Structures are given as structure tokens and as C-alpha cells.
Amino acid sequence: MNDTRTLMTLDDLRRILSESAGSEEGQLDGDILDTEFTELGYDSLALIETASVIQRDYGVEIPDKLATPRELLDAVNGSLVTAG
């Protein structure tokens, strides 16, 4: 069976964060991979909305307690590779 889902990129995550939780212009620019979501201005409610969008778009459950964009991307892409 050929899985047509593609891996999530940092740009995909930036778009989802901006769309689902809102962000100020430039807030997600640069190297944010290891910056904690709280430092980026995202609270738990914003991350719940983000997880909901990721689940809808990628079919992946997001575990609780992910602190950084890198951890979130690793969780999503790890699930996609395992499922594929």
C-alpha cells in the first residue's frame, strides 16, 4: 500500500501555528526549532488548537507535553513514518 502523506516541515508547522493560534508578524521567523512554545507566546489552549489541526490534516495524534517545535515535528513525522 502506497502512503501519499508527506512529512511535516517547519514551514508547515509555522503555517498551522499562525492559522490556528495566531501569531504576530515575524514571531515564528528564524531558528525556532528548540525554542519552547511558551517563549514563542503559545499557551496550552493554543497548542490544543494546533494539535487539532494537525490531527485533522495529518491524521496523527499529538502527545501531551511537547515543549518545542522540534519535539512536535519529531512526533508527527515519527508517527507518519511508522504508519506508512
Protein backbone atom coordinates (compact mmCIF):
# COMPACT_ATOMS: atom_id res chain seq x y z
CA MET A 1 0.00 0.00 0.00
CA ASN A 2 1.43 3.36 -1.01
CA ASP A 3 1.01 6.11 1.58
CA THR A 4 0.69 9.53 -0.06
CA ARG A 5 1.08 11.56 3.15
CA THR A 6 4.14 13.74 3.26
CA LEU A 7 6.24 14.64 6.26
CA MET A 8 5.53 17.88 8.08
CA THR A 9 8.13 20.61 7.61
CA LEU A 10 8.94 23.54 9.86
CA ASP A 11 7.19 25.81 7.35
CA ASP A 12 4.07 23.62 7.59
CA LEU A 13 4.19 23.94 11.37
CA ARG A 14 4.66 27.71 11.17
CA ARG A 15 1.58 27.96 8.96
CA ILE A 16 -0.52 25.80 11.27
CA LEU A 17 0.58 27.73 14.36
CA SER A 18 -0.22 31.03 12.69
CA GLU A 19 -3.60 29.89 11.40
CA SER A 20 -4.81 28.03 14.46
CA ALA A 21 -3.43 30.06 17.33
CA GLY A 22 -2.48 33.37 15.76
CA SER A 23 0.94 34.91 15.82
CA GLU A 24 2.42 38.31 15.37
CA GLU A 25 4.31 39.06 12.18
CA GLY A 26 7.84 37.68 12.45
CA GLN A 27 7.16 35.82 15.70
CA LEU A 28 7.90 32.46 14.09
CA ASP A 29 10.78 33.58 11.87
CA GLY A 30 14.29 32.28 12.24
CA ASP A 31 15.52 29.21 14.06
CA ILE A 32 12.64 28.35 16.40
CA LEU A 33 13.11 24.56 16.46
CA ASP A 34 14.44 24.44 20.02
CA THR A 35 12.55 27.46 21.42
CA GLU A 36 9.84 26.48 23.88
CA PHE A 37 6.30 27.19 22.78
CA THR A 38 5.76 29.33 25.89
CA GLU A 39 8.68 31.55 24.85
CA LEU A 40 7.04 31.87 21.41
CA GLY A 41 3.85 33.04 23.11
CA TYR A 42 1.79 29.85 22.74
CA ASP A 43 -0.18 28.68 25.77
CA SER A 44 -1.80 25.30 26.29
CA LEU A 45 -5.06 26.38 24.65
CA ALA A 46 -3.23 27.49 21.50
CA LEU A 47 -1.37 24.19 21.40
CA ILE A 48 -4.62 22.23 21.76
CA GLU A 49 -5.98 24.04 18.71
CA THR A 50 -2.72 23.39 16.85
CA ALA A 51 -2.86 19.68 17.75
CA SER A 52 -6.46 19.56 16.49
CA VAL A 53 -5.45 20.98 13.11
CA ILE A 54 -2.51 18.55 12.84
CA GLN A 55 -4.76 15.62 13.70
CA ARG A 56 -7.27 16.70 11.05
CA ASP A 57 -4.69 17.42 8.33
CA TYR A 58 -2.15 14.66 9.02
CA GLY A 59 -4.21 12.03 10.87
CA VAL A 60 -1.72 11.99 13.74
CA GLU A 61 -2.45 12.17 17.47
CA ILE A 62 -0.16 14.67 19.19
CA PRO A 63 1.13 13.61 22.62
CA ASP A 64 0.86 16.00 25.56
CA LYS A 65 3.85 17.81 26.96
CA LEU A 66 5.70 18.66 23.78
CA ALA A 67 7.76 21.73 24.61
CA THR A 68 9.36 22.76 21.31
CA PRO A 69 8.63 22.78 17.58
CA ARG A 70 11.38 20.16 17.11
CA GLU A 71 9.63 17.79 19.53
CA LEU A 72 6.30 18.33 17.78
CA LEU A 73 7.77 17.76 14.31
CA ASP A 74 9.59 14.61 15.51
CA ALA A 75 6.33 13.25 17.00
CA VAL A 76 4.30 13.95 13.86
CA ASN A 77 6.87 12.70 11.40
CA GLY A 78 7.71 9.66 13.52
CA SER A 79 4.03 8.70 13.50
CA LEU A 80 3.77 9.24 9.75
CA VAL A 81 6.82 7.06 9.05
CA THR A 82 5.55 4.32 11.37
CA ALA A 83 2.09 4.41 9.80
CA GLY A 84 3.48 4.49 6.28
